[in-house]
PDB file of all heavy atoms in Angstrom:
ATOM      1  N   GLU A   1     -19.713 -13.249-109.500  1.00  0.00           N
ATOM      2  CA  GLU A   1     -18.610 -13.399-110.391  1.00  0.00           C
ATOM      3  C   GLU A   1     -18.175 -12.025-110.901  1.00  0.00           C
ATOM      4  O   GLU A   1     -18.995 -11.151-111.220  1.00  0.00           O
ATOM      5  CB  GLU A   1     -19.021 -14.269-111.587  1.00  0.00           C
ATOM      6  CG  GLU A   1     -17.844 -14.649-112.459  1.00  0.00           C
ATOM      7  CD  GLU A   1     -18.234 -15.628-113.598  1.00  0.00           C
ATOM      8  OE1 GLU A   1     -19.480 -15.861-113.756  1.00  0.00           O
ATOM      9  OE2 GLU A   1     -17.358 -16.147-114.280  1.00  0.00           O
ATOM     10  N   TYR A   2     -16.852 -11.820-110.972  1.00  0.00           N
ATOM     11  CA  TYR A   2     -16.342 -10.527-111.444  1.00  0.00           C
ATOM     12  C   TYR A   2     -15.022 -10.713-112.162  1.00  0.00           C
ATOM     13  O   TYR A   2     -14.408 -11.795-112.087  1.00  0.00           O
ATOM     14  CB  TYR A   2     -16.168  -9.571-110.265  1.00  0.00           C
ATOM     15  CG  TYR A   2     -15.091 -10.028-109.270  1.00  0.00           C
ATOM     16  CD1 TYR A   2     -13.778  -9.541-109.344  1.00  0.00           C
ATOM     17  CD2 TYR A   2     -15.398 -10.893-108.204  1.00  0.00           C
ATOM     18  CE1 TYR A   2     -12.813  -9.963-108.433  1.00  0.00           C
ATOM     19  CE2 TYR A   2     -14.468 -11.299-107.300  1.00  0.00           C
ATOM     20  CZ  TYR A   2     -13.168 -10.834-107.420  1.00  0.00           C
ATOM     21  OH  TYR A   2     -12.207 -11.236-106.522  1.00  0.00           O
ATOM     22  N   ARG A   3     -14.571  -9.687-112.845  1.00  0.00           N
ATOM     23  CA  ARG A   3     -13.279  -9.688-113.508  1.00  0.00           C
ATOM     24  C   ARG A   3     -12.579  -8.418-113.195  1.00  0.00           C
ATOM     25  O   ARG A   3     -13.184  -7.302-113.180  1.00  0.00           O
ATOM     26  CB  ARG A   3     -13.414  -9.816-115.031  1.00  0.00           C
ATOM     27  CG  ARG A   3     -13.958 -11.162-115.455  1.00  0.00           C
ATOM     28  CD  ARG A   3     -12.905 -12.302-115.312  1.00  0.00           C
ATOM     29  NE  ARG A   3     -13.430 -13.547-115.838  1.00  0.00           N
ATOM     30  CZ  ARG A   3     -14.134 -14.466-115.174  1.00  0.00           C
ATOM     31  NH1 ARG A   3     -14.438 -14.223-113.907  1.00  0.00           N
ATOM     32  NH2 ARG A   3     -14.553 -15.531-115.735  1.00  0.00           N
ATOM     33  N   ILE A   4     -11.291  -8.455-112.896  1.00  0.00           N
ATOM     34  CA  ILE A   4     -10.511  -7.268-112.605  1.00  0.00           C
ATOM     35  C   ILE A   4     -10.067  -6.629-113.921  1.00  0.00           C
ATOM     36  O   ILE A   4      -9.761  -7.259-114.893  1.00  0.00           O
ATOM     37  CB  ILE A   4      -9.269  -7.672-111.766  1.00  0.00           C
ATOM     38  CG1 ILE A   4      -9.701  -8.131-110.378  1.00  0.00           C
ATOM     39  CG2 ILE A   4      -8.291  -6.504-111.634  1.00  0.00           C
ATOM     40  CD1 ILE A   4      -8.617  -8.703-109.493  1.00  0.00           C
ATOM     41  N   GLY A   5     -10.035  -5.263-113.902  1.00  0.00           N
ATOM     42  CA  GLY A   5      -9.721  -4.523-115.109  1.00  0.00           C
ATOM     43  C   GLY A   5     -10.940  -4.358-115.959  1.00  0.00           C
ATOM     44  O   GLY A   5     -11.996  -3.915-115.484  1.00  0.00           O
ATOM     45  N   THR A   6     -10.819  -4.633-117.220  1.00  0.00           N
ATOM     46  CA  THR A   6     -11.945  -4.624-118.135  1.00  0.00           C
ATOM     47  C   THR A   6     -12.077  -5.984-118.814  1.00  0.00           C
ATOM     48  O   THR A   6     -11.344  -6.888-118.503  1.00  0.00           O
ATOM     49  CB  THR A   6     -11.793  -3.530-119.217  1.00  0.00           C
ATOM     50  OG1 THR A   6     -10.526  -3.708-119.886  1.00  0.00           O
ATOM     51  CG2 THR A   6     -11.789  -2.124-118.583  1.00  0.00           C
ATOM     52  N   ALA A   7     -12.998  -6.123-119.755  1.00  0.00           N
ATOM     53  CA  ALA A   7     -13.290  -7.413-120.294  1.00  0.00           C
ATOM     54  C   ALA A   7     -12.060  -7.991-121.039  1.00  0.00           C
ATOM     55  O   ALA A   7     -11.969  -9.193-121.255  1.00  0.00           O
ATOM     56  CB  ALA A   7     -14.477  -7.328-121.274  1.00  0.00           C
ATOM     57  N   GLY A   8     -11.134  -7.149-121.449  1.00  0.00           N
ATOM     58  CA  GLY A   8      -9.942  -7.638-122.149  1.00  0.00           C
ATOM     59  C   GLY A   8      -8.771  -7.899-121.248  1.00  0.00           C
ATOM     60  O   GLY A   8      -7.691  -8.233-121.744  1.00  0.00           O
ATOM     61  N   GLY A   9      -8.912  -7.716-119.961  1.00  0.00           N
ATOM     62  CA  GLY A   9      -7.838  -8.012-119.040  1.00  0.00           C
ATOM     63  C   GLY A   9      -7.071  -6.784-118.583  1.00  0.00           C
ATOM     64  O   GLY A   9      -5.958  -6.898-118.014  1.00  0.00           O
ATOM     65  N   GLY A  10      -7.593  -5.593-118.867  1.00  0.00           N
ATOM     66  CA  GLY A  10      -6.872  -4.387-118.421  1.00  0.00           C
ATOM     67  C   GLY A  10      -5.852  -3.916-119.409  1.00  0.00           C
ATOM     68  O   GLY A  10      -6.046  -4.037-120.643  1.00  0.00           O
ATOM     69  N   ASN A  11      -4.738  -3.409-118.933  1.00  0.00           N
ATOM     70  CA  ASN A  11      -3.693  -2.782-119.750  1.00  0.00           C
ATOM     71  C   ASN A  11      -3.029  -3.845-120.631  1.00  0.00           C
ATOM     72  O   ASN A  11      -2.238  -4.677-120.183  1.00  0.00           O
ATOM     73  CB  ASN A  11      -2.668  -2.102-118.853  1.00  0.00           C
ATOM     74  CG  ASN A  11      -1.643  -1.301-119.611  1.00  0.00           C
ATOM     75  OD1 ASN A  11      -1.535  -1.450-120.840  1.00  0.00           O
ATOM     76  ND2 ASN A  11      -0.874  -0.500-118.925  1.00  0.00           N
ATOM     77  N   GLN A  12      -3.258  -3.762-121.951  1.00  0.00           N
ATOM     78  CA  GLN A  12      -2.707  -4.758-122.874  1.00  0.00           C
ATOM     79  C   GLN A  12      -1.171  -4.679-122.961  1.00  0.00           C
ATOM     80  O   GLN A  12      -0.546  -5.680-123.216  1.00  0.00           O
ATOM     81  CB  GLN A  12      -3.298  -4.488-124.309  1.00  0.00           C
ATOM     82  CG  GLN A  12      -4.733  -4.961-124.479  1.00  0.00           C
ATOM     83  CD  GLN A  12      -4.897  -6.474-124.336  1.00  0.00           C
ATOM     84  OE1 GLN A  12      -4.225  -7.215-125.022  1.00  0.00           O
ATOM     85  NE2 GLN A  12      -5.742  -6.870-123.437  1.00  0.00           N
ATOM     86  N   ALA A  13      -0.593  -3.516-122.721  1.00  0.00           N
ATOM     87  CA  ALA A  13       0.874  -3.377-122.770  1.00  0.00           C
ATOM     88  C   ALA A  13       1.580  -4.198-121.673  1.00  0.00           C
ATOM     89  O   ALA A  13       2.809  -4.406-121.812  1.00  0.00           O
ATOM     90  CB  ALA A  13       1.267  -1.909-122.711  1.00  0.00           C
ATOM     91  N   ARG A  14       0.870  -4.625-120.693  1.00  0.00           N
ATOM     92  CA  ARG A  14       1.506  -5.466-119.676  1.00  0.00           C
ATOM     93  C   ARG A  14       1.466  -6.920-119.976  1.00  0.00           C
ATOM     94  O   ARG A  14       1.970  -7.769-119.180  1.00  0.00           O
ATOM     95  CB  ARG A  14       0.789  -5.193-118.330  1.00  0.00           C
ATOM     96  CG  ARG A  14       0.857  -3.747-117.805  1.00  0.00           C
ATOM     97  CD  ARG A  14       0.311  -3.685-116.390  1.00  0.00           C
ATOM     98  NE  ARG A  14       0.257  -2.340-115.900  1.00  0.00           N
ATOM     99  CZ  ARG A  14      -0.018  -1.997-114.637  1.00  0.00           C
ATOM    100  NH1 ARG A  14      -0.263  -2.953-113.767  1.00  0.00           N
ATOM    101  NH2 ARG A  14      -0.031  -0.747-114.253  1.00  0.00           N
ATOM    102  N   GLN A  15       0.817  -7.303-121.072  1.00  0.00           N
ATOM    103  CA  GLN A  15       0.643  -8.712-121.408  1.00  0.00           C
ATOM    104  C   GLN A  15       1.910  -9.310-121.995  1.00  0.00           C
ATOM    105  O   GLN A  15       2.601  -8.648-122.819  1.00  0.00           O
ATOM    106  CB  GLN A  15      -0.512  -8.856-122.381  1.00  0.00           C
ATOM    107  CG  GLN A  15      -1.869  -8.468-121.823  1.00  0.00           C
ATOM    108  CD  GLN A  15      -2.378  -9.466-120.803  1.00  0.00           C
ATOM    109  OE1 GLN A  15      -1.829 -10.562-120.632  1.00  0.00           O
ATOM    110  NE2 GLN A  15      -3.421  -9.091-120.095  1.00  0.00           N
ATOM    111  N   PRO A  16       2.235 -10.576-121.690  1.00  0.00           N
ATOM    112  CA  PRO A  16       3.484 -11.147-122.181  1.00  0.00           C
ATOM    113  C   PRO A  16       3.526 -11.342-123.688  1.00  0.00           C
ATOM    114  O   PRO A  16       4.615 -11.347-124.268  1.00  0.00           O
ATOM    115  CB  PRO A  16       3.521 -12.516-121.476  1.00  0.00           C
ATOM    116  CG  PRO A  16       2.138 -12.792-120.984  1.00  0.00           C
ATOM    117  CD  PRO A  16       1.539 -11.452-120.720  1.00  0.00           C
ATOM    118  N   TYR A  17       2.379 -11.449-124.381  1.00  0.00           N
ATOM    119  CA  TYR A  17       2.409 -11.707-125.795  1.00  0.00           C
ATOM    120  C   TYR A  17       3.070 -10.581-126.579  1.00  0.00           C
ATOM    121  O   TYR A  17       3.592 -10.779-127.681  1.00  0.00           O
ATOM    122  CB  TYR A  17       1.013 -12.017-126.333  1.00  0.00           C
ATOM    123  CG  TYR A  17       0.102 -10.842-126.475  1.00  0.00           C
ATOM    124  CD1 TYR A  17       0.059 -10.074-127.687  1.00  0.00           C
ATOM    125  CD2 TYR A  17      -0.742 -10.419-125.465  1.00  0.00           C
ATOM    126  CE1 TYR A  17      -0.799  -8.990-127.823  1.00  0.00           C
ATOM    127  CE2 TYR A  17      -1.604  -9.341-125.579  1.00  0.00           C
ATOM    128  CZ  TYR A  17      -1.599  -8.632-126.764  1.00  0.00           C
ATOM    129  OH  TYR A  17      -2.452  -7.543-126.893  1.00  0.00           O
ATOM    130  N   LEU A  18       3.067  -9.360-126.027  1.00  0.00           N
ATOM    131  CA  LEU A  18       3.591  -8.220-126.730  1.00  0.00           C
ATOM    132  C   LEU A  18       5.131  -8.067-126.614  1.00  0.00           C
ATOM    133  O   LEU A  18       5.711  -7.217-127.286  1.00  0.00           O
ATOM    134  CB  LEU A  18       2.918  -6.915-126.252  1.00  0.00           C
ATOM    135  CG  LEU A  18       1.599  -6.588-126.901  1.00  0.00           C
ATOM    136  CD1 LEU A  18       0.972  -5.371-126.271  1.00  0.00           C
ATOM    137  CD2 LEU A  18       1.767  -6.347-128.436  1.00  0.00           C
ATOM    138  N   GLU A  19       5.731  -8.831-125.734  1.00  0.00           N
ATOM    139  CA  GLU A  19       7.183  -8.674-125.508  1.00  0.00           C
ATOM    140  C   GLU A  19       8.006  -8.883-126.752  1.00  0.00           C
ATOM    141  O   GLU A  19       9.102  -8.373-126.884  1.00  0.00           O
ATOM    142  CB  GLU A  19       7.617  -9.640-124.411  1.00  0.00           C
ATOM    143  CG  GLU A  19       7.030  -9.286-123.038  1.00  0.00           C
ATOM    144  CD  GLU A  19       7.431 -10.331-121.967  1.00  0.00           C
ATOM    145  OE1 GLU A  19       8.074 -11.333-122.337  1.00  0.00           O
ATOM    146  OE2 GLU A  19       7.062 -10.136-120.808  1.00  0.00           O
ATOM    147  N   LYS A  20       7.494  -9.705-127.709  1.00  0.00           N
ATOM    148  CA  LYS A  20       8.239 -10.002-128.926  1.00  0.00           C
ATOM    149  C   LYS A  20       7.960  -9.027-130.074  1.00  0.00           C
ATOM    150  O   LYS A  20       8.552  -9.139-131.127  1.00  0.00           O
ATOM    151  CB  LYS A  20       7.901 -11.387-129.411  1.00  0.00           C
ATOM    152  CG  LYS A  20       8.295 -12.489-128.400  1.00  0.00           C
ATOM    153  CD  LYS A  20       7.882 -13.876-128.944  1.00  0.00           C
ATOM    154  CE  LYS A  20       8.197 -14.972-127.936  1.00  0.00           C
ATOM    155  NZ  LYS A  20       7.815 -16.313-128.456  1.00  0.00           N
ATOM    156  N   TYR A  21       7.074  -8.034-129.845  1.00  0.00           N
ATOM    157  CA  TYR A  21       6.659  -7.178-130.914  1.00  0.00           C
ATOM    158  C   TYR A  21       6.966  -5.723-130.626  1.00  0.00           C
ATOM    159  O   TYR A  21       7.054  -5.290-129.481  1.00  0.00           O
ATOM    160  CB  TYR A  21       5.130  -7.360-131.158  1.00  0.00           C
ATOM    161  CG  TYR A  21       4.765  -8.708-131.623  1.00  0.00           C
ATOM    162  CD1 TYR A  21       4.307  -9.660-130.755  1.00  0.00           C
ATOM    163  CD2 TYR A  21       4.887  -9.080-132.993  1.00  0.00           C
ATOM    164  CE1 TYR A  21       3.920 -10.962-131.158  1.00  0.00           C
ATOM    165  CE2 TYR A  21       4.521 -10.373-133.387  1.00  0.00           C
ATOM    166  CZ  TYR A  21       4.056 -11.290-132.471  1.00  0.00           C
ATOM    167  OH  TYR A  21       3.708 -12.549-132.871  1.00  0.00           O
ATOM    168  N   GLU A  22       7.074  -4.956-131.692  1.00  0.00           N
ATOM    169  CA  GLU A  22       7.285  -3.504-131.557  1.00  0.00           C
ATOM    170  C   GLU A  22       5.954  -2.816-131.307  1.00  0.00           C
ATOM    171  O   GLU A  22       4.958  -3.079-132.007  1.00  0.00           O
ATOM    172  CB  GLU A  22       7.924  -2.979-132.826  1.00  0.00           C
ATOM    173  CG  GLU A  22       8.165  -1.476-132.785  1.00  0.00           C
ATOM    174  CD  GLU A  22       8.741  -0.923-134.127  1.00  0.00           C
ATOM    175  OE1 GLU A  22       9.017  -1.754-134.996  1.00  0.00           O
ATOM    176  OE2 GLU A  22       8.818   0.328-134.236  1.00  0.00           O
ATOM    177  N   PHE A  23       5.940  -1.924-130.337  1.00  0.00           N
ATOM    178  CA  PHE A  23       4.739  -1.111-130.078  1.00  0.00           C
ATOM    179  C   PHE A  23       5.194   0.171-129.396  1.00  0.00           C
ATOM    180  O   PHE A  23       6.299   0.246-128.844  1.00  0.00           O
ATOM    181  CB  PHE A  23       3.691  -1.831-129.273  1.00  0.00           C
ATOM    182  CG  PHE A  23       4.116  -2.197-127.867  1.00  0.00           C
ATOM    183  CD1 PHE A  23       3.887  -1.356-126.785  1.00  0.00           C
ATOM    184  CD2 PHE A  23       4.758  -3.411-127.633  1.00  0.00           C
ATOM    185  CE1 PHE A  23       4.266  -1.706-125.521  1.00  0.00           C
ATOM    186  CE2 PHE A  23       5.172  -3.743-126.335  1.00  0.00           C
ATOM    187  CZ  PHE A  23       4.924  -2.909-125.297  1.00  0.00           C
ATOM    188  N   ARG A  24       4.350   1.173-129.408  1.00  0.00           N
ATOM    189  CA  ARG A  24       4.601   2.416-128.747  1.00  0.00           C
ATOM    190  C   ARG A  24       3.502   2.700-127.751  1.00  0.00           C
ATOM    191  O   ARG A  24       2.375   2.283-127.932  1.00  0.00           O
ATOM    192  CB  ARG A  24       4.727   3.617-129.730  1.00  0.00           C
ATOM    193  CG  ARG A  24       5.886   3.546-130.622  1.00  0.00           C
ATOM    194  CD  ARG A  24       6.211   4.902-131.303  1.00  0.00           C
ATOM    195  NE  ARG A  24       5.152   5.401-132.155  1.00  0.00           N
ATOM    196  CZ  ARG A  24       4.392   6.459-131.900  1.00  0.00           C
ATOM    197  NH1 ARG A  24       4.506   7.138-130.751  1.00  0.00           N
ATOM    198  NH2 ARG A  24       3.450   6.854-132.764  1.00  0.00           N
TER     199      ARG A  24
END
């Protein structure tokens, strides 16, 4: 068993949940 990226799913900035929020 393995997971791609890291335990949190890799690059958080690519995640859909952030599309509605401001971030840099």
